[in-house]
Amino acid sequence: MEKMSEKLAEKEKQVVELQNQINKLENELKSPQTIQQSSDYYLFVESSDSEINVAERLISGEQKLIDKKDFTDTLDISDNFFVYKHTSEITQTSDSEFESILRDFDQVKSEYGDNFYVRVMTFYNGQSLPLETENSKTDIHILIRPTELGYENKTFVISDFYDVDLKSLEKKDNSIVLTFEHGKFPRKQEIIIIRPELIKFRNK
């Protein structure tokens, strides 16, 4: 009986220690600092080899340059050629209302990733090139919407291309990959990598 009482007392001591550890972890999880850290980039955790260029949130009216790339496109103008040199920028915006004018978008594609949903849309931005034929320039709008409650949508604009054709939007590993074509002679293909914490041009 004495030995059994000693073993029981030891077990009770272990249970108390485990309960104290549980209480400590629960208090840490409830602290504001931990909640902020766990909410960053939806359910993604930054590691030593990860890339992050997307802001967790922007104030109203704010924009952030995410990535950019220089292009030289050769376009047709009757029997001659027009060289369109431009720098395309990927910009994160604080405007999440462009879904309300969805009817004005030219092309739309959507896909689900891990814990997030992506919608890509093309939109004529009102600017034009000095061509005799149809010459409107096109922006590509990207919406990233988390599938978990409590996280904000992210919106992005990629400016500005001529004669855009969205070819595919596919889930690959932990990313969504957008492939589109633009220009005329020759047609060029671009690839955009999309994740909640990263959007960039893929270098070929």
Protein backbone atom coordinates (compact mmCIF):
# COMPACT_ATOMS: atom_id res chain seq x y z
CA MET A 1 0.00 0.00 0.00
CA GLU A 2 2.84 2.37 0.85
CA LYS A 3 4.58 1.77 -2.52
CA MET A 4 1.30 2.17 -4.39
CA SER A 5 0.63 5.44 -2.58
CA GLU A 6 4.06 6.74 -3.59
CA LYS A 7 3.44 5.82 -7.26
CA LEU A 8 0.02 7.48 -7.16
CA ALA A 9 1.50 10.65 -5.66
CA GLU A 10 4.16 10.71 -8.40
CA LYS A 11 1.50 10.31 -11.11
CA GLU A 12 -0.57 13.10 -9.60
CA LYS A 13 2.52 15.32 -9.59
CA GLN A 14 3.08 14.57 -13.31
CA VAL A 15 -0.55 15.39 -14.08
CA VAL A 16 -0.24 18.75 -12.29
CA GLU A 17 2.96 19.58 -14.21
CA LEU A 18 1.33 18.68 -17.54
CA GLN A 19 -1.72 20.79 -16.71
CA ASN A 20 0.53 23.75 -15.89
CA GLN A 21 2.26 23.36 -19.27
CA ILE A 22 -1.11 23.24 -21.03
CA ASN A 23 -2.28 26.38 -19.23
CA LYS A 24 0.95 28.20 -20.16
CA LEU A 25 0.59 27.28 -23.86
CA GLU A 26 -3.08 28.35 -23.89
CA ASN A 27 -2.16 31.74 -22.39
CA GLU A 28 0.58 32.22 -25.00
CA LEU A 29 -1.87 31.43 -27.81
CA LYS A 30 -4.33 33.99 -26.45
CA SER A 31 -1.77 36.82 -26.30
CA PRO A 32 -2.16 39.61 -28.96
CA GLN A 33 1.41 39.17 -30.19
CA THR A 34 0.90 35.46 -30.92
CA ILE A 35 -2.43 36.11 -32.66
CA GLN A 36 -0.77 38.69 -34.94
CA GLN A 37 2.08 36.31 -35.80
CA SER A 38 -0.23 33.40 -36.55
CA SER A 39 -2.39 35.54 -38.86
CA ASP A 40 0.45 36.70 -41.12
CA TYR A 41 -0.02 35.55 -44.72
CA TYR A 42 -3.06 33.45 -43.92
CA LEU A 43 -1.79 30.03 -42.82
CA PHE A 44 1.69 30.38 -44.29
CA VAL A 45 4.76 30.41 -42.07
CA GLU A 46 7.86 32.30 -43.14
CA SER A 47 10.95 30.10 -43.37
CA SER A 48 14.59 30.86 -44.16
CA ASP A 49 14.16 30.01 -47.84
CA SER A 50 10.74 31.62 -48.38
CA GLU A 51 10.05 34.76 -50.40
CA ILE A 52 7.60 37.38 -49.20
CA ASN A 53 6.74 40.61 -51.00
CA VAL A 54 3.02 41.01 -50.21
CA ALA A 55 2.02 43.30 -47.36
CA GLU A 56 -0.18 41.74 -44.68
CA ARG A 57 -2.55 44.70 -45.04
CA LEU A 58 -2.55 48.18 -46.57
CA ILE A 59 -4.22 51.31 -45.29
CA SER A 60 -7.07 52.71 -47.39
CA GLY A 61 -5.81 54.20 -50.66
CA GLU A 62 -2.31 52.77 -50.25
CA GLN A 63 -0.45 50.91 -53.01
CA LYS A 64 2.74 48.83 -52.91
CA LEU A 65 5.03 47.93 -55.83
CA ILE A 66 5.49 44.14 -55.73
CA ASP A 67 7.53 43.34 -58.84
CA LYS A 68 8.33 44.78 -62.27
CA LYS A 69 9.76 43.67 -65.62
CA ASP A 70 10.83 45.44 -68.83
CA PHE A 71 9.35 44.43 -72.20
CA THR A 72 9.93 45.24 -75.86
CA ASP A 73 6.94 44.14 -77.96
CA THR A 74 6.74 44.45 -81.74
CA LEU A 75 3.20 45.19 -82.90
CA ASP A 76 1.61 45.53 -86.32
CA ILE A 77 0.53 48.85 -87.80
CA SER A 78 -0.71 48.11 -91.33
CA ASP A 79 2.38 47.01 -93.30
CA ASN A 80 4.80 48.56 -90.82
CA PHE A 81 5.81 47.66 -87.28
CA PHE A 82 5.46 49.53 -84.02
CA VAL A 83 7.87 48.79 -81.16
CA TYR A 84 6.17 49.09 -77.79
CA LYS A 85 8.72 49.41 -74.98
CA HIS A 86 7.20 49.37 -71.51
CA THR A 87 7.78 48.37 -67.92
CA SER A 88 5.04 46.23 -66.44
CA GLU A 89 4.49 46.61 -62.69
CA ILE A 90 2.72 44.30 -60.26
CA THR A 91 1.09 46.54 -57.65
CA GLN A 92 -0.70 45.53 -54.47
CA THR A 93 -3.70 47.78 -53.89
CA SER A 94 -6.04 48.45 -50.97
CA ASP A 95 -9.05 48.54 -53.30
CA SER A 96 -11.09 45.36 -52.86
CA GLU A 97 -14.18 46.70 -54.60
CA PHE A 98 -13.33 45.93 -58.25
CA GLU A 99 -15.41 42.75 -58.10
CA SER A 100 -18.49 44.97 -58.17
CA ILE A 101 -17.70 45.96 -61.78
CA LEU A 102 -17.07 42.37 -62.89
CA ARG A 103 -19.28 42.86 -65.95
CA ASP A 104 -16.67 45.24 -67.39
CA PHE A 105 -13.87 42.67 -67.36
CA ASP A 106 -12.88 41.03 -70.62
CA GLN A 107 -11.56 37.64 -69.44
CA VAL A 108 -11.89 35.80 -66.13
CA LYS A 109 -10.20 32.68 -64.75
CA SER A 110 -10.25 31.24 -61.21
CA GLU A 111 -8.55 28.46 -59.27
CA TYR A 112 -8.24 27.13 -55.71
CA GLY A 113 -4.89 26.76 -53.96
CA ASP A 114 -4.09 25.53 -50.45
CA ASN A 115 -6.29 27.63 -48.13
CA PHE A 116 -6.81 30.38 -50.73
CA TYR A 117 -8.73 31.13 -53.91
CA VAL A 118 -7.46 33.13 -56.89
CA ARG A 119 -9.45 35.03 -59.51
CA VAL A 120 -7.67 36.67 -62.46
CA MET A 121 -9.40 39.23 -64.70
CA THR A 122 -8.35 41.42 -67.63
CA PHE A 123 -9.52 45.01 -67.96
CA TYR A 124 -8.97 47.66 -70.64
CA ASN A 125 -7.40 50.51 -68.72
CA GLY A 126 -8.51 53.37 -71.01
CA GLN A 127 -5.02 54.02 -72.38
CA SER A 128 -4.12 53.37 -76.01
CA LEU A 129 -1.19 52.91 -78.37
CA PRO A 130 -0.66 54.94 -81.61
CA LEU A 131 -1.92 52.14 -83.85
CA GLU A 132 -4.47 52.31 -86.65
CA THR A 133 -6.17 49.11 -85.45
CA GLU A 134 -7.67 48.23 -82.04
CA ASN A 135 -5.08 49.57 -79.62
CA SER A 136 -6.39 49.49 -76.06
CA LYS A 137 -3.90 48.53 -73.36
CA THR A 138 -4.90 45.89 -70.82
CA ASP A 139 -4.35 45.53 -67.08
CA ILE A 140 -4.54 42.18 -65.33
CA HIS A 141 -6.34 42.22 -61.97
CA ILE A 142 -5.74 39.50 -59.37
CA LEU A 143 -7.86 38.78 -56.31
CA ILE A 144 -6.57 36.43 -53.59
CA ARG A 145 -9.29 35.36 -51.20
CA PRO A 146 -8.55 33.16 -48.16
CA THR A 147 -10.80 30.17 -47.59
CA GLU A 148 -10.27 30.49 -43.82
CA LEU A 149 -12.37 32.94 -41.80
CA GLY A 150 -10.76 36.01 -40.29
CA TYR A 151 -8.32 36.89 -43.07
CA GLU A 152 -8.49 39.76 -45.54
CA ASN A 153 -8.68 39.62 -49.34
CA LYS A 154 -5.64 40.83 -51.29
CA THR A 155 -5.93 42.68 -54.62
CA PHE A 156 -3.27 43.31 -57.27
CA VAL A 157 -2.94 44.96 -60.68
CA ILE A 158 -0.42 44.04 -63.39
CA SER A 159 0.04 46.87 -65.92
CA ASP A 160 -0.08 47.15 -68.94
CA PHE A 161 0.00 44.86 -71.97
CA TYR A 162 -1.31 44.81 -75.53
CA ASP A 163 -3.64 42.05 -76.77
CA VAL A 164 -3.66 39.90 -73.62
CA ASP A 165 -4.92 36.31 -73.71
CA LEU A 166 -5.17 34.41 -70.41
CA LYS A 167 -4.04 30.89 -71.34
CA SER A 168 -4.18 29.01 -68.03
CA LEU A 169 -4.46 29.30 -64.25
CA GLU A 170 -3.22 26.14 -62.56
CA LYS A 171 -2.33 24.89 -59.08
CA LYS A 172 1.27 23.71 -58.88
CA ASP A 173 2.66 22.62 -55.50
CA ASN A 174 1.84 25.46 -53.06
CA SER A 175 1.36 28.11 -55.78
CA ILE A 176 -1.13 29.14 -58.44
CA VAL A 177 0.57 29.70 -61.80
CA LEU A 178 -0.90 32.18 -64.30
CA THR A 179 0.20 31.87 -67.94
CA PHE A 180 -0.78 34.54 -70.46
CA GLU A 181 0.23 35.76 -73.92
CA HIS A 182 0.61 39.33 -75.20
CA GLY A 183 1.96 41.34 -78.13
CA LYS A 184 1.93 40.38 -81.82
CA PHE A 185 5.21 39.71 -83.64
CA PRO A 186 6.07 37.43 -82.04
CA ARG A 187 3.46 36.59 -79.43
CA LYS A 188 5.15 36.41 -76.03
CA GLN A 189 4.25 34.22 -73.08
CA GLU A 190 4.58 35.31 -69.46
CA ILE A 191 4.22 33.35 -66.23
CA ILE A 192 3.13 34.84 -62.89
CA ILE A 193 3.63 32.97 -59.60
CA ILE A 194 0.78 33.61 -57.16
CA ARG A 195 0.76 32.86 -53.44
CA PRO A 196 -0.82 34.81 -50.55
CA GLU A 197 2.62 36.06 -49.51
CA LEU A 198 4.26 36.33 -52.94
CA ILE A 199 3.39 37.48 -56.47
CA LYS A 200 6.13 37.78 -59.11
CA PHE A 201 7.13 37.35 -62.73
CA ARG A 202 8.80 33.99 -63.25
CA ASN A 203 12.17 34.36 -64.95
CA LYS A 204 12.66 31.96 -67.82
